[in-house]
Amino acid sequence: MTDLPFPLMPGQTLARGVCRHLLSHGFVTVEELVPAPGLRVDVMALGPRGEVWIVECKSGRADYMTDRKWQGYLDWADRFFWAVDADFPTDLLPEGTGLILADGYDAEILRMAPGTRLAGARRKAVLQTFARHAAARLQALRDPGLRLGGRLPI
């Protein structure tokens, strides 16, 4: 499925399909972004009109049941989605959140998440974090020697 030198974990496979799909809607994405200490979102997407979406990828029931941080992500995006595969028991997912069905190749938005606009100061912080994260990833690809202990310098 991939030409990467390493296998993708199940959540990474879902993220790949989500990112491909969102790109077809004009969104650019970054994976594993830290909007605040103690939080790490699977996918953050920036839309063509500046909208910010967060997508949490869940590979199965156990993955979802052990996630205790997802509600902390709601304050960092205009919309929040779950991305799952076709075998996931979607009745576990809370109402009032978006739902994306994904695989390693593409995805489909099954339920649009309700929108709540970020406050101006929070939006500015999120966009700066997004930009720095994306730029650091690009720089690390161009010059792998800049990696510090396997971490990006952000």
N, C-alpha and C. Protein backbone atom coordinates (compact mmCIF):
# COMPACT_ATOMS: atom_id res chain seq x y z
N MET A 1 0.81 -1.18 0.00
CA MET A 1 0.00 0.00 0.00
C MET A 1 0.86 1.25 0.00
N THR A 2 2.07 1.19 0.48
CA THR A 2 2.87 2.39 0.60
C THR A 2 4.27 2.15 0.08
N ASP A 3 4.90 3.20 -0.37
CA ASP A 3 6.28 3.10 -0.80
C ASP A 3 7.22 3.64 0.28
N LEU A 4 6.72 3.77 1.49
CA LEU A 4 7.53 4.23 2.61
C LEU A 4 8.48 3.13 3.05
N PRO A 5 9.62 3.49 3.64
CA PRO A 5 10.58 2.48 4.08
C PRO A 5 10.18 1.80 5.39
N PHE A 6 8.98 2.10 5.88
CA PHE A 6 8.50 1.51 7.13
C PHE A 6 7.00 1.31 7.02
N PRO A 7 6.46 0.32 7.74
CA PRO A 7 5.01 0.10 7.69
C PRO A 7 4.26 1.16 8.50
N LEU A 8 3.08 1.51 8.04
CA LEU A 8 2.24 2.45 8.78
C LEU A 8 1.45 1.71 9.85
N MET A 9 1.27 2.36 10.99
CA MET A 9 0.41 1.82 12.04
C MET A 9 -1.04 2.04 11.59
N PRO A 10 -2.01 1.31 12.16
CA PRO A 10 -3.40 1.46 11.71
C PRO A 10 -3.92 2.90 11.75
N GLY A 11 -3.65 3.64 12.80
CA GLY A 11 -4.10 5.03 12.87
C GLY A 11 -3.44 5.90 11.82
N GLN A 12 -2.18 5.62 11.50
CA GLN A 12 -1.47 6.37 10.46
C GLN A 12 -2.06 6.08 9.08
N THR A 13 -2.50 4.85 8.89
CA THR A 13 -3.14 4.49 7.63
C THR A 13 -4.43 5.28 7.45
N LEU A 14 -5.23 5.36 8.52
CA LEU A 14 -6.46 6.17 8.46
C LEU A 14 -6.13 7.63 8.20
N ALA A 15 -5.11 8.15 8.87
CA ALA A 15 -4.72 9.55 8.70
C ALA A 15 -4.33 9.83 7.25
N ARG A 16 -3.65 8.88 6.64
CA ARG A 16 -3.25 9.05 5.24
C ARG A 16 -4.48 9.24 4.34
N GLY A 17 -5.48 8.37 4.49
CA GLY A 17 -6.70 8.49 3.70
C GLY A 17 -7.44 9.79 3.98
N VAL A 18 -7.48 10.18 5.25
CA VAL A 18 -8.15 11.43 5.64
C VAL A 18 -7.44 12.62 4.98
N CYS A 19 -6.13 12.66 5.06
CA CYS A 19 -5.37 13.78 4.49
C CYS A 19 -5.57 13.85 2.98
N ARG A 20 -5.58 12.71 2.32
CA ARG A 20 -5.83 12.70 0.87
C ARG A 20 -7.21 13.26 0.55
N HIS A 21 -8.21 12.83 1.31
CA HIS A 21 -9.57 13.28 1.06
C HIS A 21 -9.71 14.78 1.32
N LEU A 22 -9.18 15.24 2.43
CA LEU A 22 -9.31 16.66 2.75
C LEU A 22 -8.60 17.53 1.72
N LEU A 23 -7.50 17.05 1.18
CA LEU A 23 -6.81 17.79 0.13
C LEU A 23 -7.73 18.00 -1.08
N SER A 24 -8.56 17.02 -1.37
CA SER A 24 -9.49 17.14 -2.50
C SER A 24 -10.55 18.22 -2.24
N HIS A 25 -10.70 18.65 -0.98
CA HIS A 25 -11.62 19.73 -0.61
C HIS A 25 -10.88 21.04 -0.37
N GLY A 26 -9.59 21.09 -0.71
CA GLY A 26 -8.82 22.31 -0.56
C GLY A 26 -8.17 22.50 0.80
N PHE A 27 -8.19 21.49 1.65
CA PHE A 27 -7.55 21.56 2.97
C PHE A 27 -6.12 21.07 2.89
N VAL A 28 -5.23 21.72 3.62
CA VAL A 28 -3.88 21.21 3.81
C VAL A 28 -3.82 20.66 5.23
N THR A 29 -2.97 19.68 5.44
CA THR A 29 -2.97 18.97 6.72
C THR A 29 -1.56 18.78 7.27
N VAL A 30 -1.51 18.63 8.57
CA VAL A 30 -0.31 18.14 9.25
C VAL A 30 -0.77 17.06 10.23
N GLU A 31 0.10 16.11 10.44
CA GLU A 31 -0.21 15.01 11.34
C GLU A 31 0.59 15.15 12.63
N GLU A 32 0.02 14.61 13.70
CA GLU A 32 0.65 14.58 15.01
C GLU A 32 1.12 15.97 15.45
N LEU A 33 0.20 16.90 15.46
CA LEU A 33 0.48 18.27 15.86
C LEU A 33 0.13 18.44 17.34
N VAL A 34 0.95 19.18 18.06
CA VAL A 34 0.73 19.45 19.47
C VAL A 34 0.22 20.89 19.61
N PRO A 35 -1.10 21.07 19.80
CA PRO A 35 -1.64 22.43 19.93
C PRO A 35 -1.35 23.04 21.30
N ALA A 36 -1.18 22.19 22.32
CA ALA A 36 -0.90 22.64 23.68
C ALA A 36 -0.21 21.49 24.41
N PRO A 37 0.56 21.80 25.44
CA PRO A 37 1.21 20.72 26.19
C PRO A 37 0.21 19.67 26.65
N GLY A 38 0.57 18.41 26.45
CA GLY A 38 -0.28 17.30 26.85
C GLY A 38 -1.29 16.85 25.81
N LEU A 39 -1.38 17.57 24.70
CA LEU A 39 -2.31 17.20 23.63
C LEU A 39 -1.53 16.94 22.35
N ARG A 40 -1.93 15.92 21.60
CA ARG A 40 -1.35 15.66 20.28
C ARG A 40 -2.45 15.13 19.38
N VAL A 41 -2.83 15.95 18.41
CA VAL A 41 -3.91 15.56 17.51
C VAL A 41 -3.35 14.73 16.36
N ASP A 42 -4.16 13.80 15.87
CA ASP A 42 -3.71 12.96 14.76
C ASP A 42 -3.60 13.75 13.46
N VAL A 43 -4.63 14.53 13.14
CA VAL A 43 -4.62 15.35 11.92
C VAL A 43 -5.22 16.72 12.25
N MET A 44 -4.49 17.76 11.87
CA MET A 44 -5.07 19.11 11.90
C MET A 44 -5.12 19.58 10.46
N ALA A 45 -6.26 20.13 10.07
CA ALA A 45 -6.47 20.56 8.69
C ALA A 45 -6.80 22.04 8.66
N LEU A 46 -6.23 22.72 7.67
CA LEU A 46 -6.47 24.14 7.46
C LEU A 46 -7.17 24.30 6.12
N GLY A 47 -8.39 24.85 6.16
CA GLY A 47 -9.21 24.95 4.97
C GLY A 47 -8.93 26.20 4.15
N PRO A 48 -9.53 26.26 2.96
CA PRO A 48 -9.28 27.37 2.04
C PRO A 48 -9.77 28.72 2.55
N ARG A 49 -10.67 28.73 3.51
CA ARG A 49 -11.15 29.98 4.09
C ARG A 49 -10.62 30.18 5.51
N GLY A 50 -9.58 29.44 5.86
CA GLY A 50 -8.97 29.59 7.17
C GLY A 50 -9.58 28.76 8.27
N GLU A 51 -10.54 27.89 7.93
CA GLU A 51 -11.16 27.05 8.95
C GLU A 51 -10.17 25.99 9.43
N VAL A 52 -10.29 25.63 10.70
CA VAL A 52 -9.38 24.66 11.33
C VAL A 52 -10.21 23.46 11.77
N TRP A 53 -9.83 22.29 11.27
CA TRP A 53 -10.48 21.04 11.66
C TRP A 53 -9.46 20.14 12.34
N ILE A 54 -9.92 19.39 13.33
CA ILE A 54 -9.11 18.34 13.96
C ILE A 54 -9.80 17.01 13.69
N VAL A 55 -8.99 16.02 13.31
CA VAL A 55 -9.50 14.68 13.06
C VAL A 55 -8.71 13.70 13.92
N GLU A 56 -9.42 12.97 14.75
CA GLU A 56 -8.82 11.92 15.57
C GLU A 56 -9.09 10.57 14.90
N CYS A 57 -8.03 9.82 14.64
CA CYS A 57 -8.13 8.53 13.95
C CYS A 57 -8.15 7.41 14.98
N LYS A 58 -9.18 6.59 14.92
CA LYS A 58 -9.33 5.49 15.87
C LYS A 58 -9.38 4.17 15.10
N SER A 59 -8.43 3.29 15.44
CA SER A 59 -8.29 2.03 14.72
C SER A 59 -9.17 0.91 15.25
N GLY A 60 -9.80 1.13 16.38
CA GLY A 60 -10.68 0.10 16.93
C GLY A 60 -11.28 0.53 18.26
N ARG A 61 -12.11 -0.33 18.80
CA ARG A 61 -12.81 -0.06 20.06
C ARG A 61 -11.83 0.26 21.18
N ALA A 62 -10.81 -0.56 21.36
CA ALA A 62 -9.85 -0.36 22.45
C ALA A 62 -9.14 0.98 22.31
N ASP A 63 -8.77 1.35 21.10
CA ASP A 63 -8.11 2.63 20.85
C ASP A 63 -9.02 3.77 21.28
N TYR A 64 -10.29 3.70 20.95
CA TYR A 64 -11.24 4.75 21.33
C TYR A 64 -11.46 4.77 22.85
N MET A 65 -11.66 3.60 23.45
CA MET A 65 -11.99 3.54 24.87
C MET A 65 -10.86 4.05 25.76
N THR A 66 -9.63 3.96 25.31
CA THR A 66 -8.50 4.42 26.12
C THR A 66 -8.16 5.89 25.88
N ASP A 67 -8.84 6.55 24.96
CA ASP A 67 -8.58 7.95 24.66
C ASP A 67 -9.29 8.82 25.69
N ARG A 68 -8.52 9.48 26.53
CA ARG A 68 -9.09 10.33 27.56
C ARG A 68 -8.90 11.82 27.27
N LYS A 69 -8.23 12.14 26.15
CA LYS A 69 -7.88 13.54 25.90
C LYS A 69 -8.71 14.21 24.82
N TRP A 70 -9.54 13.49 24.10
CA TRP A 70 -10.16 14.05 22.91
C TRP A 70 -10.98 15.30 23.19
N GLN A 71 -11.63 15.40 24.34
CA GLN A 71 -12.44 16.59 24.62
C GLN A 71 -11.58 17.85 24.76
N GLY A 72 -10.31 17.67 25.11
CA GLY A 72 -9.39 18.80 25.17
C GLY A 72 -9.07 19.37 23.81
N TYR A 73 -9.33 18.61 22.75
CA TYR A 73 -9.05 19.09 21.39
C TYR A 73 -10.14 20.05 20.88
N LEU A 74 -11.31 20.00 21.47
CA LEU A 74 -12.43 20.78 20.98
C LEU A 74 -12.15 22.28 21.00
N ASP A 75 -11.35 22.73 21.94
CA ASP A 75 -11.03 24.15 22.07
C ASP A 75 -10.00 24.63 21.06
N TRP A 76 -9.50 23.75 20.21
CA TRP A 76 -8.42 24.09 19.29
C TRP A 76 -8.83 24.00 17.83
N ALA A 77 -10.12 23.86 17.55
CA ALA A 77 -10.57 23.73 16.16
C ALA A 77 -11.98 24.28 15.99
N ASP A 78 -12.31 24.60 14.75
CA ASP A 78 -13.66 25.01 14.41
C ASP A 78 -14.60 23.81 14.30
N ARG A 79 -14.03 22.65 13.93
CA ARG A 79 -14.81 21.41 13.82
C ARG A 79 -13.94 20.24 14.27
N PHE A 80 -14.59 19.23 14.89
CA PHE A 80 -13.89 18.04 15.38
C PHE A 80 -14.53 16.79 14.77
N PHE A 81 -13.68 15.91 14.24
CA PHE A 81 -14.12 14.67 13.58
C PHE A 81 -13.41 13.46 14.16
N TRP A 82 -14.09 12.34 14.07
CA TRP A 82 -13.47 11.03 14.26
C TRP A 82 -13.27 10.42 12.89
N ALA A 83 -12.16 9.74 12.68
CA ALA A 83 -11.94 8.96 11.46
C ALA A 83 -11.78 7.51 11.88
N VAL A 84 -12.57 6.64 11.26
CA VAL A 84 -12.57 5.22 11.59
C VAL A 84 -12.65 4.41 10.30
N ASP A 85 -12.38 3.11 10.42
CA ASP A 85 -12.52 2.25 9.24
C ASP A 85 -13.92 1.63 9.23
N ALA A 86 -14.18 0.86 8.21
CA ALA A 86 -15.52 0.31 7.99
C ALA A 86 -15.96 -0.66 9.08
N ASP A 87 -15.01 -1.24 9.83
CA ASP A 87 -15.35 -2.22 10.86
C ASP A 87 -15.56 -1.59 12.24
N PHE A 88 -15.34 -0.31 12.37
CA PHE A 88 -15.44 0.35 13.67
C PHE A 88 -16.90 0.45 14.12
N PRO A 89 -17.18 0.18 15.40
CA PRO A 89 -18.55 0.31 15.91
C PRO A 89 -18.89 1.79 16.17
N THR A 90 -19.42 2.46 15.15
CA THR A 90 -19.63 3.90 15.21
C THR A 90 -20.63 4.34 16.26
N ASP A 91 -21.44 3.41 16.79
CA ASP A 91 -22.38 3.78 17.84
C ASP A 91 -21.67 4.19 19.13
N LEU A 92 -20.38 3.89 19.25
CA LEU A 92 -19.59 4.32 20.41
C LEU A 92 -19.29 5.82 20.40
N LEU A 93 -19.26 6.40 19.22
CA LEU A 93 -18.83 7.79 19.07
C LEU A 93 -19.90 8.75 19.53
N PRO A 94 -19.50 9.80 20.24
CA PRO A 94 -20.49 10.74 20.78
C PRO A 94 -21.19 11.55 19.69
N GLU A 95 -22.46 11.84 19.94
CA GLU A 95 -23.21 12.75 19.07
C GLU A 95 -22.55 14.12 19.16
N GLY A 96 -22.79 14.93 18.16
CA GLY A 96 -22.23 16.27 18.18
C GLY A 96 -20.78 16.33 17.75
N THR A 97 -20.30 15.24 17.14
CA THR A 97 -18.96 15.22 16.57
C THR A 97 -19.08 14.73 15.13
N GLY A 98 -18.10 15.06 14.31
CA GLY A 98 -18.11 14.62 12.92
C GLY A 98 -17.62 13.19 12.79
N LEU A 99 -17.94 12.58 11.66
CA LEU A 99 -17.54 11.20 11.41
C LEU A 99 -17.03 11.06 9.99
N ILE A 100 -15.84 10.49 9.88
CA ILE A 100 -15.20 10.24 8.59
C ILE A 100 -14.89 8.76 8.50
N LEU A 101 -15.29 8.13 7.41
CA LEU A 101 -14.95 6.74 7.14
C LEU A 101 -13.71 6.76 6.24
N ALA A 102 -12.66 6.06 6.66
CA ALA A 102 -11.39 6.17 5.94
C ALA A 102 -10.71 4.82 5.79
N ASP A 103 -9.82 4.77 4.80
CA ASP A 103 -8.85 3.68 4.66
C ASP A 103 -7.55 4.35 4.24
N GLY A 104 -6.58 3.58 3.82
CA GLY A 104 -5.29 4.14 3.49
C GLY A 104 -5.22 4.92 2.20
N TYR A 105 -6.31 4.91 1.45
CA TYR A 105 -6.31 5.54 0.13
C TYR A 105 -7.20 6.77 0.03
N ASP A 106 -8.28 6.80 0.79
CA ASP A 106 -9.22 7.91 0.68
C ASP A 106 -10.12 7.89 1.91
N ALA A 107 -11.12 8.75 1.90
CA ALA A 107 -12.06 8.83 3.01
C ALA A 107 -13.36 9.45 2.51
N GLU A 108 -14.36 9.43 3.37
CA GLU A 108 -15.64 10.05 3.06
C GLU A 108 -16.20 10.64 4.35
N ILE A 109 -16.66 11.87 4.29
CA ILE A 109 -17.27 12.50 5.45
C ILE A 109 -18.71 12.00 5.52
N LEU A 110 -19.01 11.23 6.57
CA LEU A 110 -20.36 10.68 6.74
C LEU A 110 -21.25 11.61 7.54
N ARG A 111 -20.63 12.33 8.50
CA ARG A 111 -21.41 13.26 9.33
C ARG A 111 -20.55 14.51 9.55
N MET A 112 -21.06 15.64 9.11
CA MET A 112 -20.35 16.90 9.29
C MET A 112 -20.37 17.28 10.77
N ALA A 113 -19.24 17.69 11.27
CA ALA A 113 -19.15 18.14 12.66
C ALA A 113 -19.80 19.51 12.79
N PRO A 114 -20.44 19.77 13.92
CA PRO A 114 -20.96 21.11 14.13
C PRO A 114 -19.81 22.12 14.22
N GLY A 115 -20.06 23.31 13.77
CA GLY A 115 -19.02 24.33 13.76
C GLY A 115 -19.10 25.28 14.94
N THR A 116 -17.96 25.57 15.51
CA THR A 116 -17.81 26.57 16.56
C THR A 116 -16.56 27.36 16.23
N ARG A 117 -16.71 28.64 15.90
CA ARG A 117 -15.57 29.46 15.49
C ARG A 117 -14.61 29.69 16.65
N LEU A 118 -13.32 29.49 16.35
CA LEU A 118 -12.29 29.80 17.33
C LEU A 118 -12.25 31.30 17.60
N ALA A 119 -11.93 31.67 18.82
CA ALA A 119 -11.72 33.07 19.15
C ALA A 119 -10.47 33.55 18.41
N GLY A 120 -10.41 34.85 18.13
CA GLY A 120 -9.31 35.41 17.34
C GLY A 120 -7.92 35.08 17.88
N ALA A 121 -7.71 35.26 19.18
CA ALA A 121 -6.39 34.99 19.75
C ALA A 121 -6.04 33.50 19.67
N ARG A 122 -7.03 32.64 19.89
CA ARG A 122 -6.78 31.20 19.80
C ARG A 122 -6.48 30.81 18.36
N ARG A 123 -7.24 31.38 17.40
CA ARG A 123 -7.01 31.09 15.98
C ARG A 123 -5.58 31.48 15.58
N LYS A 124 -5.14 32.64 16.02
CA LYS A 124 -3.78 33.08 15.71
C LYS A 124 -2.75 32.09 16.26
N ALA A 125 -2.93 31.65 17.49
CA ALA A 125 -2.00 30.69 18.09
C ALA A 125 -2.00 29.36 17.33
N VAL A 126 -3.19 28.90 16.96
CA VAL A 126 -3.30 27.63 16.22
C VAL A 126 -2.63 27.75 14.85
N LEU A 127 -2.88 28.83 14.15
CA LEU A 127 -2.28 29.01 12.83
C LEU A 127 -0.76 29.13 12.90
N GLN A 128 -0.25 29.80 13.92
CA GLN A 128 1.20 29.88 14.08
C GLN A 128 1.80 28.51 14.39
N THR A 129 1.14 27.76 15.24
CA THR A 129 1.62 26.41 15.56
C THR A 129 1.59 25.52 14.32
N PHE A 130 0.50 25.61 13.57
CA PHE A 130 0.36 24.84 12.33
C PHE A 130 1.49 25.18 11.36
N ALA A 131 1.72 26.48 11.15
CA ALA A 131 2.75 26.91 10.21
C ALA A 131 4.14 26.48 10.66
N ARG A 132 4.45 26.64 11.92
CA ARG A 132 5.78 26.24 12.42
C ARG A 132 5.98 24.72 12.30
N HIS A 133 4.93 23.98 12.62
CA HIS A 133 5.00 22.52 12.52
C HIS A 133 5.24 22.09 11.07
N ALA A 134 4.46 22.65 10.16
CA ALA A 134 4.60 22.29 8.75
C ALA A 134 5.98 22.68 8.22
N ALA A 135 6.45 23.88 8.57
CA ALA A 135 7.75 24.33 8.10
C ALA A 135 8.88 23.47 8.67
N ALA A 136 8.78 23.11 9.94
CA ALA A 136 9.81 22.26 10.55
C ALA A 136 9.84 20.88 9.90
N ARG A 137 8.67 20.34 9.60
CA ARG A 137 8.63 19.04 8.91
C ARG A 137 9.28 19.12 7.54
N LEU A 138 8.99 20.18 6.80
CA LEU A 138 9.57 20.35 5.48
C LEU A 138 11.09 20.52 5.59
N GLN A 139 11.53 21.32 6.54
CA GLN A 139 12.97 21.52 6.71
C GLN A 139 13.67 20.22 7.09
N ALA A 140 13.04 19.41 7.94
CA ALA A 140 13.63 18.13 8.34
C ALA A 140 13.73 17.17 7.15
N LEU A 141 12.78 17.25 6.22
CA LEU A 141 12.86 16.41 5.02
C LEU A 141 14.01 16.86 4.12
N ARG A 142 14.18 18.17 4.02
CA ARG A 142 15.26 18.70 3.17
C ARG A 142 16.63 18.50 3.79
N ASP A 143 16.70 18.50 5.13
CA ASP A 143 17.98 18.40 5.83
C ASP A 143 17.81 17.53 7.07
N PRO A 144 17.81 16.20 6.88
CA PRO A 144 17.55 15.29 8.00
C PRO A 144 18.54 15.44 9.15
N GLY A 145 19.69 16.01 8.90
CA GLY A 145 20.67 16.19 9.96
C GLY A 145 20.23 17.18 11.03
N LEU A 146 19.20 17.96 10.78
CA LEU A 146 18.72 18.93 11.75
C LEU A 146 17.87 18.30 12.84
N ARG A 147 17.48 17.08 12.67
CA ARG A 147 16.65 16.43 13.69
C ARG A 147 17.44 16.33 14.99
N LEU A 148 16.79 16.68 16.07
CA LEU A 148 17.42 16.65 17.38
C LEU A 148 16.87 15.47 18.16
N GLY A 149 17.65 14.41 18.28
CA GLY A 149 17.19 13.25 19.02
C GLY A 149 15.92 12.64 18.45
N GLY A 150 15.73 12.70 17.13
CA GLY A 150 14.55 12.14 16.50
C GLY A 150 13.33 13.05 16.56
N ARG A 151 13.49 14.23 17.15
CA ARG A 151 12.36 15.18 17.27
C ARG A 151 12.60 16.36 16.34
N LEU A 152 11.52 16.95 15.91
CA LEU A 152 11.62 18.16 15.10
C LEU A 152 11.96 19.34 15.99
N PRO A 153 12.77 20.27 15.50
CA PRO A 153 13.15 21.44 16.31
C PRO A 153 12.04 22.49 16.38
N ILE A 154 10.88 22.13 16.96
CA ILE A 154 9.80 23.11 17.12
C ILE A 154 9.35 23.15 18.56
